[in-house]
Amino acid sequence: MKLKFDSANPGSISKNNEIFEWIKSFDEADLYISETSLEIIPKLEKPLKSNLEKIEEDFLSETYQGYFDEVNTFRIIRPGKESRYIMDLTGDIETLTIADMSMSGNGYAVHFDVVK
């Protein structure tokens, strides 16, 4: 699968600017994702490889926590299994969001379409 950049919100936390710009560079990157691991291999930038821990799930979406390193974490938000099944039936494109762990609403979020 590949990521296709859709949109981004930089948030207002300046310490995350470098990470935000790096994540935005994942347009056209190869994506390998399961319920326990994530690997994104962009063409020019360093790859992102992380174990994932599911932290929330409902019938519409799944949210995972991943790790840039021992200190810095991020969230992956993607459609839930039922939503992905419906998307396959209707021909809709799956989406994936990479966001910071801030729940205050002032953190970054980068949205991608997942192209098979």
PDB file of N, CA and C in Angstrom:
ATOM      1  N   MET A   1       0.845  -1.173   0.000  1.00  0.00           N
ATOM      2  CA  MET A   1       0.000   0.000   0.000  1.00  0.00           C
ATOM      3  C   MET A   1       0.892   1.238   0.000  1.00  0.00           C
ATOM      4  N   LYS A   2       0.310   2.346  -0.448  1.00  0.00           N
ATOM      5  CA  LYS A   2       1.021   3.627  -0.473  1.00  0.00           C
ATOM      6  C   LYS A   2       0.178   4.697   0.209  1.00  0.00           C
ATOM      7  N   LEU A   3       0.859   5.701   0.749  1.00  0.00           N
ATOM      8  CA  LEU A   3       0.198   6.855   1.332  1.00  0.00           C
ATOM      9  C   LEU A   3       0.121   7.965   0.290  1.00  0.00           C
ATOM     10  N   LYS A   4      -1.011   8.646   0.235  1.00  0.00           N
ATOM     11  CA  LYS A   4      -1.178   9.816  -0.619  1.00  0.00           C
ATOM     12  C   LYS A   4      -1.617  10.959   0.283  1.00  0.00           C
ATOM     13  N   PHE A   5      -0.801  12.006   0.350  1.00  0.00           N
ATOM     14  CA  PHE A   5      -1.074  13.146   1.224  1.00  0.00           C
ATOM     15  C   PHE A   5      -2.440  13.747   0.896  1.00  0.00           C
ATOM     16  N   ASP A   6      -3.225  14.020   1.945  1.00  0.00           N
ATOM     17  CA  ASP A   6      -4.535  14.641   1.775  1.00  0.00           C
ATOM     18  C   ASP A   6      -4.553  16.055   2.356  1.00  0.00           C
ATOM     19  N   SER A   7      -4.286  16.185   3.652  1.00  0.00           N
ATOM     20  CA  SER A   7      -4.316  17.499   4.295  1.00  0.00           C
ATOM     21  C   SER A   7      -3.534  17.434   5.598  1.00  0.00           C
ATOM     22  N   ALA A   8      -3.293  18.622   6.180  1.00  0.00           N
ATOM     23  CA  ALA A   8      -2.511  18.669   7.415  1.00  0.00           C
ATOM     24  C   ALA A   8      -2.910  19.874   8.253  1.00  0.00           C
ATOM     25  N   ASN A   9      -2.799  19.700   9.564  1.00  0.00           N
ATOM     26  CA  ASN A   9      -3.013  20.773  10.521  1.00  0.00           C
ATOM     27  C   ASN A   9      -1.763  20.827  11.395  1.00  0.00           C
ATOM     28  N   PRO A  10      -0.991  21.921  11.322  1.00  0.00           N
ATOM     29  CA  PRO A  10       0.275  21.974  12.070  1.00  0.00           C
ATOM     30  C   PRO A  10       0.107  22.114  13.573  1.00  0.00           C
ATOM     31  N   GLY A  11      -1.060  22.500  14.036  1.00  0.00           N
ATOM     32  CA  GLY A  11      -1.233  22.718  15.462  1.00  0.00           C
ATOM     33  C   GLY A  11      -0.481  23.943  15.912  1.00  0.00           C
ATOM     34  N   SER A  12      -0.395  24.129  17.202  1.00  0.00           N
ATOM     35  CA  SER A  12       0.267  25.327  17.732  1.00  0.00           C
ATOM     36  C   SER A  12       1.402  24.997  18.686  1.00  0.00           C
ATOM     37  N   ILE A  13       1.868  23.762  18.681  1.00  0.00           N
ATOM     38  CA  ILE A  13       2.966  23.373  19.559  1.00  0.00           C
ATOM     39  C   ILE A  13       4.259  23.407  18.736  1.00  0.00           C
ATOM     40  N   SER A  14       5.053  24.451  18.901  1.00  0.00           N
ATOM     41  CA  SER A  14       6.208  24.687  18.035  1.00  0.00           C
ATOM     42  C   SER A  14       7.272  23.598  18.125  1.00  0.00           C
ATOM     43  N   LYS A  15       7.377  22.910  19.260  1.00  0.00           N
ATOM     44  CA  LYS A  15       8.400  21.863  19.379  1.00  0.00           C
ATOM     45  C   LYS A  15       8.137  20.696  18.425  1.00  0.00           C
ATOM     46  N   ASN A  16       6.925  20.596  17.894  1.00  0.00           N
ATOM     47  CA  ASN A  16       6.573  19.504  16.986  1.00  0.00           C
ATOM     48  C   ASN A  16       6.759  19.857  15.511  1.00  0.00           C
ATOM     49  N   ASN A  17       7.232  21.057  15.182  1.00  0.00           N
ATOM     50  CA  ASN A  17       7.332  21.486  13.787  1.00  0.00           C
ATOM     51  C   ASN A  17       8.193  20.554  12.934  1.00  0.00           C
ATOM     52  N   GLU A  18       9.326  20.126  13.439  1.00  0.00           N
ATOM     53  CA  GLU A  18      10.218  19.251  12.673  1.00  0.00           C
ATOM     54  C   GLU A  18       9.543  17.896  12.403  1.00  0.00           C
ATOM     55  N   ILE A  19       8.907  17.338  13.403  1.00  0.00           N
ATOM     56  CA  ILE A  19       8.191  16.069  13.235  1.00  0.00           C
ATOM     57  C   ILE A  19       7.050  16.244  12.242  1.00  0.00           C
ATOM     58  N   PHE A  20       6.306  17.339  12.364  1.00  0.00           N
ATOM     59  CA  PHE A  20       5.189  17.616  11.463  1.00  0.00           C
ATOM     60  C   PHE A  20       5.666  17.667  10.005  1.00  0.00           C
ATOM     61  N   GLU A  21       6.738  18.374   9.739  1.00  0.00           N
ATOM     62  CA  GLU A  21       7.263  18.486   8.370  1.00  0.00           C
ATOM     63  C   GLU A  21       7.748  17.126   7.859  1.00  0.00           C
ATOM     64  N   TRP A  22       8.361  16.338   8.725  1.00  0.00           N
ATOM     65  CA  TRP A  22       8.825  14.999   8.339  1.00  0.00           C
ATOM     66  C   TRP A  22       7.644  14.122   7.952  1.00  0.00           C
ATOM     67  N   ILE A  23       6.589  14.133   8.757  1.00  0.00           N
ATOM     68  CA  ILE A  23       5.412  13.310   8.469  1.00  0.00           C
ATOM     69  C   ILE A  23       4.761  13.749   7.161  1.00  0.00           C
ATOM     70  N   LYS A  24       4.699  15.054   6.910  1.00  0.00           N
ATOM     71  CA  LYS A  24       4.128  15.526   5.649  1.00  0.00           C
ATOM     72  C   LYS A  24       4.895  14.993   4.440  1.00  0.00           C
ATOM     73  N   SER A  25       6.156  14.656   4.610  1.00  0.00           N
ATOM     74  CA  SER A  25       6.975  14.154   3.493  1.00  0.00           C
ATOM     75  C   SER A  25       6.640  12.705   3.134  1.00  0.00           C
ATOM     76  N   PHE A  26       5.708  12.082   3.841  1.00  0.00           N
ATOM     77  CA  PHE A  26       5.361  10.677   3.580  1.00  0.00           C
ATOM     78  C   PHE A  26       4.457  10.494   2.364  1.00  0.00           C
ATOM     79  N   ASP A  27       4.176  11.554   1.616  1.00  0.00           N
ATOM     80  CA  ASP A  27       3.378  11.424   0.395  1.00  0.00           C
ATOM     81  C   ASP A  27       4.059  10.443  -0.553  1.00  0.00           C
ATOM     82  N   GLU A  28       3.305   9.473  -1.050  1.00  0.00           N
ATOM     83  CA  GLU A  28       3.786   8.430  -1.969  1.00  0.00           C
ATOM     84  C   GLU A  28       4.701   7.395  -1.288  1.00  0.00           C
ATOM     85  N   ALA A  29       4.758   7.402   0.044  1.00  0.00           N
ATOM     86  CA  ALA A  29       5.584   6.426   0.774  1.00  0.00           C
ATOM     87  C   ALA A  29       4.903   5.063   0.782  1.00  0.00           C
ATOM     88  N   ASP A  30       5.712   4.021   0.876  1.00  0.00           N
ATOM     89  CA  ASP A  30       5.186   2.668   1.044  1.00  0.00           C
ATOM     90  C   ASP A  30       4.706   2.505   2.482  1.00  0.00           C
ATOM     91  N   LEU A  31       3.564   1.854   2.655  1.00  0.00           N
ATOM     92  CA  LEU A  31       2.955   1.657   3.972  1.00  0.00           C
ATOM     93  C   LEU A  31       2.785   0.179   4.247  1.00  0.00           C
ATOM     94  N   TYR A  32       3.256  -0.243   5.406  1.00  0.00           N
ATOM     95  CA  TYR A  32       3.037  -1.599   5.911  1.00  0.00           C
ATOM     96  C   TYR A  32       2.479  -1.424   7.318  1.00  0.00           C
ATOM     97  N   ILE A  33       1.239  -1.874   7.523  1.00  0.00           N
ATOM     98  CA  ILE A  33       0.596  -1.674   8.817  1.00  0.00           C
ATOM     99  C   ILE A  33      -0.187  -2.919   9.212  1.00  0.00           C
ATOM    100  N   SER A  34      -0.108  -3.241  10.497  1.00  0.00           N
ATOM    101  CA  SER A  34      -0.906  -4.313  11.087  1.00  0.00           C
ATOM    102  C   SER A  34      -1.422  -3.788  12.424  1.00  0.00           C
ATOM    103  N   GLU A  35      -2.030  -4.642  13.203  1.00  0.00           N
ATOM    104  CA  GLU A  35      -2.510  -4.201  14.513  1.00  0.00           C
ATOM    105  C   GLU A  35      -1.373  -4.035  15.522  1.00  0.00           C
ATOM    106  N   THR A  36      -0.181  -4.502  15.182  1.00  0.00           N
ATOM    107  CA  THR A  36       0.934  -4.428  16.130  1.00  0.00           C
ATOM    108  C   THR A  36       2.159  -3.684  15.603  1.00  0.00           C
ATOM    109  N   SER A  37       2.182  -3.328  14.323  1.00  0.00           N
ATOM    110  CA  SER A  37       3.373  -2.653  13.813  1.00  0.00           C
ATOM    111  C   SER A  37       3.043  -1.727  12.642  1.00  0.00           C
ATOM    112  N   LEU A  38       3.914  -0.749  12.464  1.00  0.00           N
ATOM    113  CA  LEU A  38       3.793   0.237  11.399  1.00  0.00           C
ATOM    114  C   LEU A  38       5.164   0.446  10.787  1.00  0.00           C
ATOM    115  N   GLU A  39       5.208   0.479   9.463  1.00  0.00           N
ATOM    116  CA  GLU A  39       6.435   0.851   8.766  1.00  0.00           C
ATOM    117  C   GLU A  39       6.044   1.722   7.583  1.00  0.00           C
ATOM    118  N   ILE A  40       6.629   2.915   7.528  1.00  0.00           N
ATOM    119  CA  ILE A  40       6.415   3.850   6.429  1.00  0.00           C
ATOM    120  C   ILE A  40       7.778   4.132   5.816  1.00  0.00           C
ATOM    121  N   ILE A  41       7.891   3.878   4.515  1.00  0.00           N
ATOM    122  CA  ILE A  41       9.175   4.048   3.830  1.00  0.00           C
ATOM    123  C   ILE A  41       9.010   5.113   2.749  1.00  0.00           C
ATOM    124  N   PRO A  42       9.392   6.361   3.062  1.00  0.00           N
ATOM    125  CA  PRO A  42       9.306   7.428   2.061  1.00  0.00           C
ATOM    126  C   PRO A  42      10.466   7.334   1.063  1.00  0.00           C
ATOM    127  N   LYS A  43      10.325   8.044  -0.044  1.00  0.00           N
ATOM    128  CA  LYS A  43      11.350   7.990  -1.088  1.00  0.00           C
ATOM    129  C   LYS A  43      12.641   8.682  -0.673  1.00  0.00           C
ATOM    130  N   LEU A  44      12.545   9.833   0.004  1.00  0.00           N
ATOM    131  CA  LEU A  44      13.748  10.619   0.283  1.00  0.00           C
ATOM    132  C   LEU A  44      14.073  10.792   1.757  1.00  0.00           C
ATOM    133  N   GLU A  45      13.103  10.725   2.612  1.00  0.00           N
ATOM    134  CA  GLU A  45      13.327  10.962   4.039  1.00  0.00           C
ATOM    135  C   GLU A  45      13.571   9.651   4.783  1.00  0.00           C
ATOM    136  N   LYS A  46      13.956   9.777   6.062  1.00  0.00           N
ATOM    137  CA  LYS A  46      14.164   8.572   6.870  1.00  0.00           C
ATOM    138  C   LYS A  46      12.830   7.866   7.098  1.00  0.00           C
ATOM    139  N   PRO A  47      12.838   6.543   7.184  1.00  0.00           N
ATOM    140  CA  PRO A  47      11.593   5.796   7.396  1.00  0.00           C
ATOM    141  C   PRO A  47      11.107   5.902   8.839  1.00  0.00           C
ATOM    142  N   LEU A  48       9.860   5.547   9.028  1.00  0.00           N
ATOM    143  CA  LEU A  48       9.260   5.451  10.353  1.00  0.00           C
ATOM    144  C   LEU A  48       8.900   3.997  10.576  1.00  0.00           C
ATOM    145  N   LYS A  49       9.427   3.426  11.627  1.00  0.00           N
ATOM    146  CA  LYS A  49       9.121   2.046  11.989  1.00  0.00           C
ATOM    147  C   LYS A  49       8.799   2.038  13.473  1.00  0.00           C
ATOM    148  N   SER A  50       7.642   1.445  13.828  1.00  0.00           N
ATOM    149  CA  SER A  50       7.223   1.473  15.226  1.00  0.00           C
ATOM    150  C   SER A  50       6.336   0.283  15.542  1.00  0.00           C
ATOM    151  N   ASN A  51       6.418  -0.168  16.780  1.00  0.00           N
ATOM    152  CA  ASN A  51       5.400  -1.061  17.305  1.00  0.00           C
ATOM    153  C   ASN A  51       4.169  -0.211  17.590  1.00  0.00           C
ATOM    154  N   LEU A  52       2.995  -0.824  17.509  1.00  0.00           N
ATOM    155  CA  LEU A  52       1.750  -0.120  17.788  1.00  0.00           C
ATOM    156  C   LEU A  52       1.017  -0.800  18.927  1.00  0.00           C
ATOM    157  N   GLU A  53       0.351   0.018  19.752  1.00  0.00           N
ATOM    158  CA  GLU A  53      -0.514  -0.479  20.821  1.00  0.00           C
ATOM    159  C   GLU A  53      -1.892   0.118  20.604  1.00  0.00           C
ATOM    160  N   LYS A  54      -2.921  -0.733  20.492  1.00  0.00           N
ATOM    161  CA  LYS A  54      -4.278  -0.221  20.316  1.00  0.00           C
ATOM    162  C   LYS A  54      -4.722   0.431  21.616  1.00  0.00           C
ATOM    163  N   ILE A  55      -5.189   1.684  21.519  1.00  0.00           N
ATOM    164  CA  ILE A  55      -5.618   2.401  22.714  1.00  0.00           C
ATOM    165  C   ILE A  55      -7.114   2.720  22.704  1.00  0.00           C
ATOM    166  N   GLU A  56      -7.754   2.597  21.527  1.00  0.00           N
ATOM    167  CA  GLU A  56      -9.188   2.859  21.457  1.00  0.00           C
ATOM    168  C   GLU A  56      -9.746   2.199  20.203  1.00  0.00           C
ATOM    169  N   GLU A  57     -10.972   1.691  20.317  1.00  0.00           N
ATOM    170  CA  GLU A  57     -11.610   1.075  19.166  1.00  0.00           C
ATOM    171  C   GLU A  57     -13.117   1.181  19.306  1.00  0.00           C
ATOM    172  N   ASP A  58     -13.780   1.528  18.212  1.00  0.00           N
ATOM    173  CA  ASP A  58     -15.225   1.429  18.116  1.00  0.00           C
ATOM    174  C   ASP A  58     -15.545   0.923  16.713  1.00  0.00           C
ATOM    175  N   PHE A  59     -16.795   0.874  16.331  1.00  0.00           N
ATOM    176  CA  PHE A  59     -17.121   0.289  15.035  1.00  0.00           C
ATOM    177  C   PHE A  59     -16.685   1.179  13.872  1.00  0.00           C
ATOM    178  N   LEU A  60     -16.396   2.455  14.122  1.00  0.00           N
ATOM    179  CA  LEU A  60     -15.979   3.358  13.052  1.00  0.00           C
ATOM    180  C   LEU A  60     -14.467   3.498  12.916  1.00  0.00           C
ATOM    181  N   SER A  61     -13.731   3.474  14.025  1.00  0.00           N
ATOM    182  CA  SER A  61     -12.298   3.747  13.940  1.00  0.00           C
ATOM    183  C   SER A  61     -11.497   2.969  14.982  1.00  0.00           C
ATOM    184  N   GLU A  62     -10.199   2.911  14.708  1.00  0.00           N
ATOM    185  CA  GLU A  62      -9.227   2.322  15.629  1.00  0.00           C
ATOM    186  C   GLU A  62      -8.130   3.350  15.846  1.00  0.00           C
ATOM    187  N   THR A  63      -7.683   3.490  17.075  1.00  0.00           N
ATOM    188  CA  THR A  63      -6.610   4.415  17.409  1.00  0.00           C
ATOM    189  C   THR A  63      -5.485   3.634  18.067  1.00  0.00           C
ATOM    190  N   TYR A  64      -4.268   3.881  17.587  1.00  0.00           N
ATOM    191  CA  TYR A  64      -3.080   3.195  18.088  1.00  0.00           C
ATOM    192  C   TYR A  64      -2.076   4.222  18.586  1.00  0.00           C
ATOM    193  N   GLN A  65      -1.257   3.813  19.539  1.00  0.00           N
ATOM    194  CA  GLN A  65      -0.130   4.622  19.979  1.00  0.00           C
ATOM    195  C   GLN A  65       1.131   4.010  19.396  1.00  0.00           C
ATOM    196  N   GLY A  66       1.953   4.866  18.786  1.00  0.00           N
ATOM    197  CA  GLY A  66       3.242   4.440  18.252  1.00  0.00           C
ATOM    198  C   GLY A  66       4.348   5.268  18.877  1.00  0.00           C
ATOM    199  N   TYR A  67       5.583   4.927  18.543  1.00  0.00           N
ATOM    200  CA  TYR A  67       6.735   5.550  19.192  1.00  0.00           C
ATOM    201  C   TYR A  67       7.758   5.981  18.151  1.00  0.00           C
ATOM    202  N   PHE A  68       8.091   7.293  18.156  1.00  0.00           N
ATOM    203  CA  PHE A  68       9.203   7.774  17.342  1.00  0.00           C
ATOM    204  C   PHE A  68      10.520   7.300  17.960  1.00  0.00           C
ATOM    205  N   ASP A  69      10.553   7.307  19.286  1.00  0.00           N
ATOM    206  CA  ASP A  69      11.716   6.872  20.068  1.00  0.00           C
ATOM    207  C   ASP A  69      11.200   6.551  21.473  1.00  0.00           C
ATOM    208  N   GLU A  70      12.073   6.438  22.450  1.00  0.00           N
ATOM    209  CA  GLU A  70      11.655   6.073  23.807  1.00  0.00           C
ATOM    210  C   GLU A  70      10.796   7.134  24.479  1.00  0.00           C
ATOM    211  N   VAL A  71      10.878   8.384  24.007  1.00  0.00           N
ATOM    212  CA  VAL A  71      10.192   9.493  24.669  1.00  0.00           C
ATOM    213  C   VAL A  71       8.991  10.003  23.873  1.00  0.00           C
ATOM    214  N   ASN A  72       9.145  10.131  22.570  1.00  0.00           N
ATOM    215  CA  ASN A  72       8.138  10.782  21.735  1.00  0.00           C
ATOM    216  C   ASN A  72       7.165   9.773  21.123  1.00  0.00           C
ATOM    217  N   THR A  73       5.881  10.009  21.383  1.00  0.00           N
ATOM    218  CA  THR A  73       4.839   9.112  20.899  1.00  0.00           C
ATOM    219  C   THR A  73       3.959   9.826  19.879  1.00  0.00           C
ATOM    220  N   PHE A  74       3.149   9.041  19.180  1.00  0.00           N
ATOM    221  CA  PHE A  74       2.200   9.587  18.218  1.00  0.00           C
ATOM    222  C   PHE A  74       0.983   8.682  18.184  1.00  0.00           C
ATOM    223  N   ARG A  75      -0.079   9.175  17.537  1.00  0.00           N
ATOM    224  CA  ARG A  75      -1.293   8.394  17.348  1.00  0.00           C
ATOM    225  C   ARG A  75      -1.474   8.074  15.876  1.00  0.00           C
ATOM    226  N   ILE A  76      -2.000   6.893  15.615  1.00  0.00           N
ATOM    227  CA  ILE A  76      -2.466   6.498  14.289  1.00  0.00           C
ATOM    228  C   ILE A  76      -3.972   6.306  14.416  1.00  0.00           C
ATOM    229  N   ILE A  77      -4.722   6.985  13.577  1.00  0.00           N
ATOM    230  CA  ILE A  77      -6.164   6.811  13.549  1.00  0.00           C
ATOM    231  C   ILE A  77      -6.526   6.291  12.160  1.00  0.00           C
ATOM    232  N   ARG A  78      -7.252   5.185  12.130  1.00  0.00           N
ATOM    233  CA  ARG A  78      -7.659   4.596  10.852  1.00  0.00           C
ATOM    234  C   ARG A  78      -9.061   4.026  10.996  1.00  0.00           C
ATOM    235  N   PRO A  79      -9.732   3.785   9.884  1.00  0.00           N
ATOM    236  CA  PRO A  79     -11.076   3.193   9.976  1.00  0.00           C
ATOM    237  C   PRO A  79     -11.017   1.833  10.661  1.00  0.00           C
ATOM    238  N   GLY A  80     -12.084   1.506  11.379  1.00  0.00           N
ATOM    239  CA  GLY A  80     -12.198   0.198  12.009  1.00  0.00           C
ATOM    240  C   GLY A  80     -12.447  -0.887  10.972  1.00  0.00           C
ATOM    241  N   LYS A  81     -12.412  -2.129  11.424  1.00  0.00           N
ATOM    242  CA  LYS A  81     -12.583  -3.263  10.503  1.00  0.00           C
ATOM    243  C   LYS A  81     -13.899  -3.191   9.746  1.00  0.00           C
ATOM    244  N   GLU A  82     -14.994  -2.879  10.437  1.00  0.00           N
ATOM    245  CA  GLU A  82     -16.285  -2.790   9.772  1.00  0.00           C
ATOM    246  C   GLU A  82     -16.293  -1.669   8.744  1.00  0.00           C
ATOM    247  N   SER A  83     -15.698  -0.532   9.103  1.00  0.00           N
ATOM    248  CA  SER A  83     -15.621   0.597   8.170  1.00  0.00           C
ATOM    249  C   SER A  83     -14.789   0.240   6.944  1.00  0.00           C
ATOM    250  N   ARG A  84     -13.663  -0.447   7.154  1.00  0.00           N
ATOM    251  CA  ARG A  84     -12.828  -0.846   6.008  1.00  0.00           C
ATOM    252  C   ARG A  84     -13.573  -1.808   5.095  1.00  0.00           C
ATOM    253  N   TYR A  85     -14.360  -2.711   5.685  1.00  0.00           N
ATOM    254  CA  TYR A  85     -15.151  -3.648   4.890  1.00  0.00           C
ATOM    255  C   TYR A  85     -16.162  -2.888   4.022  1.00  0.00           C
ATOM    256  N   ILE A  86     -16.855  -1.928   4.621  1.00  0.00           N
ATOM    257  CA  ILE A  86     -17.826  -1.121   3.870  1.00  0.00           C
ATOM    258  C   ILE A  86     -17.115  -0.310   2.794  1.00  0.00           C
ATOM    259  N   MET A  87     -15.949   0.250   3.111  1.00  0.00           N
ATOM    260  CA  MET A  87     -15.188   1.017   2.120  1.00  0.00           C
ATOM    261  C   MET A  87     -14.806   0.141   0.919  1.00  0.00           C
ATOM    262  N   ASP A  88     -14.410  -1.090   1.192  1.00  0.00           N
ATOM    263  CA  ASP A  88     -14.090  -2.011   0.102  1.00  0.00           C
ATOM    264  C   ASP A  88     -15.316  -2.267  -0.771  1.00  0.00           C
ATOM    265  N   LEU A  89     -16.474  -2.448  -0.146  1.00  0.00           N
ATOM    266  CA  LEU A  89     -17.701  -2.719  -0.902  1.00  0.00           C
ATOM    267  C   LEU A  89     -18.134  -1.523  -1.749  1.00  0.00           C
ATOM    268  N   THR A  90     -17.961  -0.332  -1.218  1.00  0.00           N
ATOM    269  CA  THR A  90     -18.440   0.873  -1.905  1.00  0.00           C
ATOM    270  C   THR A  90     -17.378   1.536  -2.769  1.00  0.00           C
ATOM    271  N   GLY A  91     -16.142   1.045  -2.701  1.00  0.00           N
ATOM    272  CA  GLY A  91     -15.074   1.636  -3.497  1.00  0.00           C
ATOM    273  C   GLY A  91     -14.473   2.893  -2.901  1.00  0.00           C
ATOM    274  N   ASP A  92     -14.791   3.192  -1.642  1.00  0.00           N
ATOM    275  CA  ASP A  92     -14.207   4.357  -0.984  1.00  0.00           C
ATOM    276  C   ASP A  92     -12.758   4.092  -0.625  1.00  0.00           C
ATOM    277  N   ILE A  93     -11.994   5.150  -0.469  1.00  0.00           N
ATOM    278  CA  ILE A  93     -10.568   5.052  -0.162  1.00  0.00           C
ATOM    279  C   ILE A  93     -10.375   5.068   1.352  1.00  0.00           C
ATOM    280  N   GLU A  94      -9.557   4.146   1.838  1.00  0.00           N
ATOM    281  CA  GLU A  94      -9.206   4.117   3.261  1.00  0.00           C
ATOM    282  C   GLU A  94      -8.345   5.332   3.582  1.00  0.00           C
ATOM    283  N   THR A  95      -8.455   5.819   4.803  1.00  0.00           N
ATOM    284  CA  THR A  95      -7.661   6.953   5.247  1.00  0.00           C
ATOM    285  C   THR A  95      -6.805   6.552   6.451  1.00  0.00           C
ATOM    286  N   LEU A  96      -5.783   7.358   6.700  1.00  0.00           N
ATOM    287  CA  LEU A  96      -4.899   7.143   7.843  1.00  0.00           C
ATOM    288  C   LEU A  96      -4.459   8.509   8.331  1.00  0.00           C
ATOM    289  N   THR A  97      -4.539   8.732   9.627  1.00  0.00           N
ATOM    290  CA  THR A  97      -4.093   9.990  10.219  1.00  0.00           C
ATOM    291  C   THR A  97      -2.967   9.705  11.187  1.00  0.00           C
ATOM    292  N   ILE A  98      -1.916  10.520  11.088  1.00  0.00           N
ATOM    293  CA  ILE A  98      -0.814  10.484  12.059  1.00  0.00           C
ATOM    294  C   ILE A  98      -0.902  11.792  12.835  1.00  0.00           C
ATOM    295  N   ALA A  99      -1.028  11.684  14.144  1.00  0.00           N
ATOM    296  CA  ALA A  99      -1.222  12.872  14.978  1.00  0.00           C
ATOM    297  C   ALA A  99      -0.416  12.749  16.256  1.00  0.00           C
ATOM    298  N   ASP A 100      -0.221  13.901  16.920  1.00  0.00           N
ATOM    299  CA  ASP A 100       0.464  13.825  18.211  1.00  0.00           C
ATOM    300  C   ASP A 100      -0.504  13.290  19.258  1.00  0.00           C
ATOM    301  N   MET A 101      -0.002  13.033  20.429  1.00  0.00           N
ATOM    302  CA  MET A 101      -0.817  12.431  21.495  1.00  0.00           C
ATOM    303  C   MET A 101      -1.609  13.471  22.282  1.00  0.00           C
ATOM    304  N   SER A 102      -1.472  14.749  21.945  1.00  0.00           N
ATOM    305  CA  SER A 102      -2.179  15.802  22.662  1.00  0.00           C
ATOM    306  C   SER A 102      -3.684  15.646  22.493  1.00  0.00           C
ATOM    307  N   MET A 103      -4.397  15.704  23.575  1.00  0.00           N
ATOM    308  CA  MET A 103      -5.856  15.642  23.530  1.00  0.00           C
ATOM    309  C   MET A 103      -6.460  17.043  23.634  1.00  0.00           C
ATOM    310  N   SER A 104      -5.606  18.069  23.657  1.00  0.00           N
ATOM    311  CA  SER A 104      -6.092  19.436  23.840  1.00  0.00           C
ATOM    312  C   SER A 104      -6.588  20.067  22.552  1.00  0.00           C
ATOM    313  N   GLY A 105      -6.340  19.446  21.415  1.00  0.00           N
ATOM    314  CA  GLY A 105      -6.798  20.007  20.149  1.00  0.00           C
ATOM    315  C   GLY A 105      -5.836  20.983  19.511  1.00  0.00           C
ATOM    316  N   ASN A 106      -4.679  21.223  20.140  1.00  0.00           N
ATOM    317  CA  ASN A 106      -3.732  22.170  19.548  1.00  0.00           C
ATOM    318  C   ASN A 106      -2.485  21.470  19.007  1.00  0.00           C
ATOM    319  N   GLY A 107      -2.550  20.160  18.796  1.00  0.00           N
ATOM    320  CA  GLY A 107      -1.425  19.408  18.249  1.00  0.00           C
ATOM    321  C   GLY A 107      -1.586  19.184  16.758  1.00  0.00           C
ATOM    322  N   TYR A 108      -0.546  18.646  16.129  1.00  0.00           N
ATOM    323  CA  TYR A 108      -0.558  18.420  14.686  1.00  0.00           C
ATOM    324  C   TYR A 108      -1.372  17.173  14.320  1.00  0.00           C
ATOM    325  N   ALA A 109      -1.822  17.159  13.066  1.00  0.00           N
ATOM    326  CA  ALA A 109      -2.471  15.981  12.490  1.00  0.00           C
ATOM    327  C   ALA A 109      -2.203  16.019  10.980  1.00  0.00           C
ATOM    328  N   VAL A 110      -1.761  14.889  10.438  1.00  0.00           N
ATOM    329  CA  VAL A 110      -1.497  14.784   9.009  1.00  0.00           C
ATOM    330  C   VAL A 110      -2.358  13.639   8.478  1.00  0.00           C
ATOM    331  N   HIS A 111      -3.131  13.938   7.439  1.00  0.00           N
ATOM    332  CA  HIS A 111      -4.112  12.981   6.908  1.00  0.00           C
ATOM    333  C   HIS A 111      -3.654  12.474   5.538  1.00  0.00           C
ATOM    334  N   PHE A 112      -3.780  11.158   5.362  1.00  0.00           N
ATOM    335  CA  PHE A 112      -3.399  10.509   4.116  1.00  0.00           C
ATOM    336  C   PHE A 112      -4.536   9.628   3.624  1.00  0.00           C
ATOM    337  N   ASP A 113      -4.612   9.455   2.305  1.00  0.00           N
ATOM    338  CA  ASP A 113      -5.407   8.393   1.711  1.00  0.00           C
ATOM    339  C   ASP A 113      -4.484   7.182   1.585  1.00  0.00           C
ATOM    340  N   VAL A 114      -5.033   5.990   1.729  1.00  0.00           N
ATOM    341  CA  VAL A 114      -4.267   4.756   1.581  1.00  0.00           C
ATOM    342  C   VAL A 114      -4.633   4.158   0.234  1.00  0.00           C
ATOM    343  N   VAL A 115      -3.644   4.082  -0.645  1.00  0.00           N
ATOM    344  CA  VAL A 115      -3.861   3.587  -2.006  1.00  0.00           C
ATOM    345  C   VAL A 115      -3.283   2.177  -2.100  1.00  0.00           C
ATOM    346  N   LYS A 116      -4.116   1.258  -2.589  1.00  0.00           N
ATOM    347  CA  LYS A 116      -3.662  -0.137  -2.675  1.00  0.00           C
ATOM    348  C   LYS A 116      -2.963  -0.410  -3.973  1.00  0.00           C
TER     349      LYS A 116
END
